[in-house]
Amino acid sequence: SDLTIVLTVNPAPTQVSAGTSHSCARLSDGTARCWGLNTNGRLGDGTTTQRTSPVVVLAAASTALTGVAEVAAGGTHSCAVLSSGLVRCWGNNVNGQLGTGSTASLSFASTNVAAITNATQVSVGTSHSCARLADGTARCWGLNTNGRLGDGTTTQRTSPVTVLSAAGVPLTGVVSISAGATHTCAVLTTG
């Protein structure tokens, strides 16, 4: 038989994202909640404790992340784009997928992604992350085997790099971007 679990919180959820073994939701008050497996701090609640019900994503110790426009759950990390255009990520950072400029440790509360101030969408893969920017370009960061970051290399990136359409030419007209396990796709204005 089918089992359906409904997330009921107040304020109400307006968007949800399912990762490998955790899920996150954006709530109508601009906060985010995550639940599920919490190894690597992927729930953003300041712990590594598995949660069977939603917990608040933190901006810092005991302070909820606010202004969340969209949330994305991935393999062992999660990210959110804020209404201000910033992107914040939390969880595992072994491949630089948090975009902090290093692979140093985990982040149990959300931390800013380097050099992104005008994001409109974020998508999280297994070990990399991507953002669509307001100008129609895209940036990705993290593990880059198989060229999943779209920068023309297979070099791991700990900070965002521009997705290219050809050598040295940024991909433009990006409407939506989606990061998968080992690849990334984008929808363009041209269809």
Protein backbone atom coordinates (compact mmCIF):
# COMPACT_ATOMS: atom_id res chain seq x y z
CA SER A 1 0.00 0.00 0.00
CA ASP A 2 1.06 3.60 -0.48
CA LEU A 3 2.29 5.56 2.51
CA THR A 4 1.92 9.31 2.37
CA ILE A 5 3.48 11.56 4.96
CA VAL A 6 2.35 15.15 5.00
CA LEU A 7 4.48 17.92 6.48
CA THR A 8 2.20 19.99 8.65
CA VAL A 9 3.74 23.00 10.29
CA ASN A 10 2.66 26.53 10.86
CA PRO A 11 3.59 28.62 8.92
CA ALA A 12 2.80 26.46 5.91
CA PRO A 13 5.38 24.97 3.54
CA THR A 14 5.52 26.61 0.10
CA GLN A 15 8.29 24.55 -1.54
CA VAL A 16 9.96 21.21 -0.83
CA SER A 17 13.13 19.45 -2.01
CA ALA A 18 14.09 15.80 -1.51
CA GLY A 19 17.75 14.80 -1.18
CA THR A 20 19.38 11.40 -1.01
CA SER A 21 18.25 10.67 2.56
CA HIS A 22 16.88 13.96 3.83
CA SER A 23 14.31 16.55 2.78
CA CYS A 24 13.94 20.30 3.25
CA ALA A 25 11.03 22.73 2.95
CA ARG A 26 10.73 26.49 2.61
CA LEU A 27 7.98 27.91 4.80
CA SER A 28 5.71 30.86 4.09
CA ASP A 29 7.52 32.97 6.73
CA GLY A 30 10.83 32.69 4.79
CA THR A 31 12.44 30.12 7.09
CA ALA A 32 13.43 26.57 6.19
CA ARG A 33 13.02 23.20 7.89
CA CYS A 34 14.81 19.92 7.14
CA TRP A 35 14.39 16.34 8.37
CA GLY A 36 15.91 12.88 7.85
CA LEU A 37 19.48 11.62 8.04
CA ASN A 38 21.77 14.27 9.50
CA THR A 39 25.28 12.91 9.10
CA ASN A 40 27.52 15.73 7.91
CA GLY A 41 25.09 18.31 9.32
CA ARG A 42 22.96 18.28 6.17
CA LEU A 43 19.85 19.40 8.11
CA GLY A 44 21.48 22.67 9.19
CA ASP A 45 20.21 22.52 12.77
CA GLY A 46 23.65 22.67 14.39
CA THR A 47 23.81 18.92 15.08
CA THR A 48 24.36 15.55 13.42
CA THR A 49 21.28 14.02 15.06
CA GLN A 50 18.87 12.21 12.74
CA ARG A 51 15.45 13.91 12.78
CA THR A 52 12.10 12.29 12.05
CA SER A 53 10.30 15.62 12.15
CA PRO A 54 11.29 19.00 10.67
CA VAL A 55 13.92 21.14 12.42
CA VAL A 56 14.74 24.80 11.80
CA VAL A 57 17.74 25.56 9.55
CA LEU A 58 20.09 27.91 11.37
CA ALA A 59 22.01 30.96 10.16
CA ALA A 60 24.13 30.79 13.33
CA ALA A 61 23.83 29.16 16.73
CA SER A 62 20.22 29.51 17.93
CA THR A 63 19.35 31.92 15.10
CA ALA A 64 17.01 30.75 12.32
CA LEU A 65 17.96 31.34 8.70
CA THR A 66 15.45 33.88 7.34
CA GLY A 67 14.62 35.35 3.94
CA VAL A 68 14.68 31.92 2.29
CA ALA A 69 13.24 32.08 -1.24
CA GLU A 70 14.07 28.48 -2.21
CA VAL A 71 15.70 25.46 -0.58
CA ALA A 72 17.50 22.51 -2.20
CA ALA A 73 18.48 19.18 -0.62
CA GLY A 74 21.29 17.11 -2.15
CA GLY A 75 23.46 14.15 -1.30
CA THR A 76 25.12 15.18 1.94
CA HIS A 77 24.53 18.92 1.89
CA SER A 78 21.76 21.44 1.31
CA CYS A 79 21.54 25.02 0.06
CA ALA A 80 19.07 27.90 0.04
CA VAL A 81 18.79 30.99 -2.11
CA LEU A 82 17.71 34.02 -0.10
CA SER A 83 15.43 36.82 -1.23
CA SER A 84 18.53 39.07 -1.06
CA GLY A 85 20.20 37.00 -3.83
CA LEU A 86 22.72 35.34 -1.50
CA VAL A 87 23.13 31.57 -1.47
CA ARG A 88 23.78 29.75 1.81
CA CYS A 89 24.77 26.09 2.13
CA TRP A 90 25.31 23.63 4.99
CA GLY A 91 26.49 20.06 5.52
CA ASN A 92 29.38 18.13 3.98
CA ASN A 93 32.15 20.17 2.36
CA VAL A 94 34.72 17.50 1.43
CA ASN A 95 34.44 18.43 -2.28
CA GLY A 96 33.92 22.17 -1.80
CA GLN A 97 30.17 21.81 -2.43
CA LEU A 98 29.39 24.52 0.14
CA GLY A 99 31.18 27.10 -2.03
CA THR A 100 33.13 28.66 0.83
CA GLY A 101 36.50 28.71 -0.98
CA SER A 102 37.85 25.67 0.86
CA THR A 103 37.12 22.05 1.68
CA ALA A 104 37.60 22.70 5.38
CA SER A 105 35.28 20.78 7.68
CA LEU A 106 31.52 20.62 7.74
CA SER A 107 29.06 23.39 8.33
CA PHE A 108 26.32 22.54 10.82
CA ALA A 109 24.57 25.88 10.20
CA SER A 110 24.26 27.69 6.88
CA THR A 111 27.19 29.65 5.50
CA ASN A 112 27.41 32.10 2.58
CA VAL A 113 28.57 30.87 -0.81
CA ALA A 114 31.48 33.01 -2.02
CA ALA A 115 30.87 35.81 -4.54
CA ILE A 116 27.19 35.18 -5.32
CA THR A 117 24.88 38.12 -4.59
CA ASN A 118 22.24 37.88 -7.32
CA ALA A 119 21.00 34.27 -7.36
CA THR A 120 17.41 33.47 -8.27
CA GLN A 121 17.58 29.67 -8.06
CA VAL A 122 19.78 26.99 -6.49
CA SER A 123 20.07 23.27 -7.24
CA VAL A 124 22.11 20.73 -5.31
CA GLY A 125 23.56 17.48 -6.64
CA THR A 126 25.36 14.70 -4.83
CA SER A 127 28.67 16.57 -4.43
CA HIS A 128 28.19 19.84 -6.28
CA SER A 129 25.86 22.84 -6.31
CA CYS A 130 24.70 25.30 -8.97
CA ALA A 131 22.91 28.64 -8.98
CA ARG A 132 21.07 30.56 -11.69
CA LEU A 133 21.79 34.27 -11.49
CA ALA A 134 19.47 37.18 -12.21
CA ASP A 135 21.42 38.04 -15.38
CA GLY A 136 20.61 34.61 -16.91
CA THR A 137 24.03 33.07 -16.33
CA ALA A 138 24.85 30.17 -14.01
CA ARG A 139 27.59 29.32 -11.51
CA CYS A 140 28.51 25.89 -10.11
CA TRP A 141 30.94 24.65 -7.45
CA GLY A 142 32.13 21.41 -5.83
CA LEU A 143 33.23 18.07 -7.30
CA ASN A 144 33.90 18.37 -11.04
CA THR A 145 34.59 14.83 -12.24
CA ASN A 146 32.82 14.27 -15.55
CA GLY A 147 32.78 18.06 -16.10
CA ARG A 148 29.57 18.47 -14.08
CA LEU A 149 30.36 22.13 -13.27
CA GLY A 150 30.34 23.12 -16.95
CA ASP A 151 33.49 25.26 -16.77
CA GLY A 152 35.36 23.28 -19.45
CA THR A 153 37.52 21.41 -16.91
CA THR A 154 37.34 18.51 -14.50
CA THR A 155 39.01 20.49 -11.71
CA GLN A 156 37.28 20.51 -8.31
CA ARG A 157 36.11 24.03 -7.44
CA THR A 158 35.60 25.29 -3.89
CA SER A 159 34.18 28.60 -5.11
CA PRO A 160 31.60 29.21 -7.85
CA VAL A 161 32.74 29.14 -11.48
CA THR A 162 30.83 30.34 -14.53
CA VAL A 163 29.05 27.71 -16.61
CA LEU A 164 30.28 28.00 -20.22
CA SER A 165 28.58 27.42 -23.58
CA ALA A 166 31.96 27.29 -25.35
CA ALA A 167 35.57 27.89 -24.33
CA GLY A 168 35.61 31.20 -22.48
CA VAL A 169 32.00 32.04 -23.39
CA PRO A 170 29.47 32.12 -20.52
CA LEU A 171 26.21 30.25 -20.98
CA THR A 172 23.44 32.87 -21.13
CA GLY A 173 19.66 32.83 -21.17
CA VAL A 174 19.47 30.29 -18.34
CA VAL A 175 15.86 29.98 -17.12
CA SER A 176 16.39 27.01 -14.80
CA ILE A 177 19.27 24.77 -13.69
CA SER A 178 19.24 21.29 -12.18
CA ALA A 179 22.22 19.51 -10.59
CA GLY A 180 22.14 15.71 -10.61
CA ALA A 181 24.44 13.01 -9.27
CA THR A 182 27.21 13.40 -11.87
CA HIS A 183 25.88 15.98 -14.32
CA THR A 184 23.95 19.25 -14.60
CA CYS A 185 21.32 20.51 -17.06
CA ALA A 186 19.88 23.94 -17.81
CA VAL A 187 16.77 25.19 -19.61
CA LEU A 188 17.45 28.22 -21.81
CA THR A 189 15.18 31.02 -23.00
CA THR A 190 15.52 29.55 -26.50
CA GLY A 191 13.77 26.39 -25.29
